[in-house]
């Protein structure tokens, strides 16, 4: 998990630096005072947005318990992807397409994420499709970026449908191919 943890920290640092260079501030999110995160920076602005910068989770927490409960093995990189940092979502481009990578905002968000992953995996099983875990969104409401658990490949999948296009052979190569342009 250490190498992807470092990769996630570096990815977030690049995202924050690019955002600050292009927009003049760190990434922002709509502020919810009842849903705080250790990654919040400063106070909310007059528009109700707050800046954020990824912070390393201490202690780090992967999805091992969830994998055990679902009786499946997650690719090692998936544990670090969701367990390395607290952060807002990352808006990026992959192969010229705008995407949003889902991240964990706080402990409550981590619990909610695990519940959503459970529902997703159980739906895939009911449909007799390969187990996948979503990691991102596209500009289409029904098109997810997912990791196939049996291969570790990062793929596109329509909600309720089998994966249909491989984007990268694993999370690491997928993240390495991202670019940022606001």
Protein backbone atom coordinates (compact mmCIF):
# COMPACT_ATOMS: atom_id res chain seq x y z
CA UNK A 1 0.00 0.00 0.00
CA UNK A 2 2.96 2.34 0.57
CA UNK A 3 3.72 3.01 -3.10
CA UNK A 4 0.14 3.90 -4.02
CA UNK A 5 -0.15 5.92 -0.81
CA UNK A 6 2.80 7.99 -2.01
CA UNK A 7 1.26 8.14 -5.48
CA UNK A 8 -2.05 9.44 -4.04
CA UNK A 9 -0.24 12.07 -1.95
CA UNK A 10 1.77 13.16 -5.02
CA UNK A 11 -1.35 13.22 -7.22
CA UNK A 12 -3.14 15.45 -4.72
CA UNK A 13 -0.11 17.73 -4.43
CA UNK A 14 0.01 18.10 -8.23
CA UNK A 15 -3.73 18.77 -8.30
CA UNK A 16 -3.47 21.44 -5.58
CA UNK A 17 -0.46 23.08 -7.24
CA UNK A 18 -2.10 23.13 -10.69
CA UNK A 19 -5.36 24.47 -9.26
CA UNK A 20 -3.53 27.23 -7.39
CA UNK A 21 -1.50 28.17 -10.49
CA UNK A 22 -4.53 28.22 -12.80
CA UNK A 23 -7.24 29.58 -10.48
CA UNK A 24 -5.28 31.41 -7.79
CA UNK A 25 -6.50 29.23 -4.94
CA UNK A 26 -6.51 25.64 -3.69
CA UNK A 27 -9.32 23.33 -4.81
CA UNK A 28 -12.68 24.32 -3.36
CA UNK A 29 -15.84 22.57 -2.27
CA UNK A 30 -19.18 23.80 -1.00
CA UNK A 31 -18.70 24.20 2.75
CA UNK A 32 -20.89 22.23 5.13
CA UNK A 33 -20.13 23.18 8.75
CA UNK A 34 -21.89 19.99 9.91
CA UNK A 35 -19.60 17.81 7.74
CA UNK A 36 -16.06 18.94 8.58
CA UNK A 37 -12.84 17.46 7.23
CA UNK A 38 -9.23 17.61 8.34
CA UNK A 39 -8.38 18.70 4.78
CA UNK A 40 -10.27 22.02 5.00
CA UNK A 41 -8.03 25.08 4.70
CA UNK A 42 -9.10 28.41 6.18
CA UNK A 43 -12.68 29.63 6.38
CA UNK A 44 -15.53 29.50 3.88
CA UNK A 45 -15.62 32.39 1.41
CA UNK A 46 -18.61 34.66 0.75
CA UNK A 47 -19.90 32.17 -1.84
CA UNK A 48 -19.96 29.39 0.78
CA UNK A 49 -16.96 27.51 -0.62
CA UNK A 50 -13.98 26.32 1.37
CA UNK A 51 -10.53 25.47 0.09
CA UNK A 52 -9.09 22.05 0.78
CA UNK A 53 -5.79 20.25 0.55
CA UNK A 54 -5.38 16.50 0.95
CA UNK A 55 -4.06 15.30 4.30
CA UNK A 56 -2.62 11.87 4.98
CA UNK A 57 -4.95 9.74 7.09
CA UNK A 58 -3.48 8.71 10.41
CA UNK A 59 -3.80 5.84 10.87
CA UNK A 60 -4.40 4.84 7.29
CA UNK A 61 -7.39 2.62 6.78
CA UNK A 62 -8.04 0.40 3.79
CA UNK A 63 -11.06 -1.58 2.73
CA UNK A 64 -9.86 -4.90 4.16
CA UNK A 65 -12.87 -5.35 6.47
CA UNK A 66 -15.27 -4.64 3.61
CA UNK A 67 -13.45 -7.07 1.30
CA UNK A 68 -13.65 -9.75 3.98
CA UNK A 69 -17.36 -9.10 4.55
CA UNK A 70 -18.01 -9.37 0.80
CA UNK A 71 -15.79 -12.48 0.63
CA UNK A 72 -13.70 -11.00 -2.18
CA UNK A 73 -10.16 -9.77 -2.57
CA UNK A 74 -9.66 -6.15 -3.57
CA UNK A 75 -6.59 -5.15 -5.59
CA UNK A 76 -4.02 -3.80 -3.09
CA UNK A 77 -4.04 -0.38 -4.78
CA UNK A 78 -7.76 0.05 -4.08
CA UNK A 79 -7.10 0.08 -0.32
CA UNK A 80 -4.69 3.00 -0.67
CA UNK A 81 -6.84 4.77 -3.27
CA UNK A 82 -9.63 5.23 -0.72
CA UNK A 83 -7.57 4.94 2.47
CA UNK A 84 -4.45 7.11 2.02
CA UNK A 85 -5.83 10.63 2.40
CA UNK A 86 -8.81 12.74 3.34
CA UNK A 87 -9.58 15.01 0.41
CA UNK A 88 -12.19 16.41 -1.93
CA UNK A 89 -12.79 14.82 -5.31
CA UNK A 90 -10.23 15.39 -8.05
CA UNK A 91 -11.35 16.82 -11.38
CA UNK A 92 -9.00 15.66 -14.10
CA UNK A 93 -8.73 14.60 -17.71
CA UNK A 94 -8.04 11.10 -18.94
CA UNK A 95 -7.44 10.61 -22.63
CA UNK A 96 -9.01 14.03 -23.31
CA UNK A 97 -12.18 13.33 -21.32
CA UNK A 98 -13.18 15.13 -18.13
CA UNK A 99 -13.60 12.86 -15.13
CA UNK A 100 -14.04 13.19 -11.38
CA UNK A 101 -12.17 10.85 -9.06
CA UNK A 102 -14.06 10.07 -5.88
CA UNK A 103 -12.19 10.59 -2.63
CA UNK A 104 -12.95 10.30 1.09
CA UNK A 105 -13.76 13.60 2.85
CA UNK A 106 -13.94 12.36 6.47
CA UNK A 107 -14.59 9.24 8.57
CA UNK A 108 -18.36 9.47 8.07
CA UNK A 109 -17.81 9.66 4.32
CA UNK A 110 -15.61 6.55 4.54
CA UNK A 111 -18.47 4.64 6.23
CA UNK A 112 -20.95 5.87 3.59
CA UNK A 113 -18.53 4.92 0.80
CA UNK A 114 -18.27 1.36 2.12
CA UNK A 115 -22.07 1.09 2.24
CA UNK A 116 -22.29 2.32 -1.36
CA UNK A 117 -19.58 -0.11 -2.50
CA UNK A 118 -21.46 -2.94 -0.77
CA UNK A 119 -24.68 -2.04 -2.58
CA UNK A 120 -22.82 -1.79 -5.89
CA UNK A 121 -21.11 -5.19 -5.50
CA UNK A 122 -24.36 -6.87 -4.43
CA UNK A 123 -26.14 -5.36 -7.46
CA UNK A 124 -23.38 -6.68 -9.76
CA UNK A 125 -23.77 -10.13 -8.23
CA UNK A 126 -27.57 -10.09 -8.64
CA UNK A 127 -27.01 -9.24 -12.32
CA UNK A 128 -24.44 -12.06 -12.56
CA UNK A 129 -21.69 -9.62 -13.58
CA UNK A 130 -18.05 -9.39 -12.47
CA UNK A 131 -17.55 -7.57 -9.16
CA UNK A 132 -16.37 -3.98 -9.59
CA UNK A 133 -15.72 -1.03 -7.30
CA UNK A 134 -16.33 2.47 -8.62
CA UNK A 135 -13.56 5.06 -8.28
CA UNK A 136 -14.79 7.89 -10.46
CA UNK A 137 -17.46 9.57 -12.52
CA UNK A 138 -17.63 10.79 -16.09
CA UNK A 139 -19.62 13.63 -17.60
CA UNK A 140 -22.47 11.14 -18.11
CA UNK A 141 -24.63 10.41 -15.07
CA UNK A 142 -24.84 6.69 -15.80
CA UNK A 143 -21.19 6.02 -16.79
CA UNK A 144 -18.78 5.05 -14.00
CA UNK A 145 -15.05 4.48 -13.80
CA UNK A 146 -14.61 1.18 -11.99
CA UNK A 147 -11.97 -1.32 -11.00
CA UNK A 148 -12.64 -4.95 -11.93
CA UNK A 149 -11.83 -6.93 -8.80
CA UNK A 150 -10.80 -10.10 -10.65
CA UNK A 151 -8.17 -8.33 -12.79
CA UNK A 152 -7.47 -4.90 -11.25
CA UNK A 153 -8.22 -3.23 -14.60
CA UNK A 154 -9.72 0.26 -14.58
CA UNK A 155 -12.76 0.24 -16.86
CA UNK A 156 -15.82 2.15 -17.95
CA UNK A 157 -19.18 0.70 -17.02
CA UNK A 158 -22.74 1.90 -17.37
CA UNK A 159 -24.75 1.53 -14.16
CA UNK A 160 -26.23 -1.97 -14.13
CA UNK A 161 -24.17 -3.15 -17.10
CA UNK A 162 -20.92 -5.11 -17.39
CA UNK A 163 -17.70 -3.17 -17.90
CA UNK A 164 -17.24 -2.42 -21.59
CA UNK A 165 -13.96 -0.55 -22.10
CA UNK A 166 -10.60 -0.96 -20.37
CA UNK A 167 -8.94 2.40 -19.61
CA UNK A 168 -5.81 1.07 -17.91
CA UNK A 169 -4.38 -2.22 -16.70
CA UNK A 170 -4.38 -1.05 -13.07
CA UNK A 171 -5.03 1.93 -10.80
CA UNK A 172 -1.39 3.02 -10.83
CA UNK A 173 -1.17 3.32 -14.63
CA UNK A 174 -4.59 5.00 -14.73
CA UNK A 175 -3.53 7.66 -12.22
CA UNK A 176 -0.22 8.19 -14.02
CA UNK A 177 -2.10 9.04 -17.23
CA UNK A 178 -4.21 11.84 -15.68
CA UNK A 179 -3.76 15.51 -16.47
CA UNK A 180 -5.20 18.65 -14.88
CA UNK A 181 -6.54 21.70 -16.65
CA UNK A 182 -9.18 23.88 -15.08
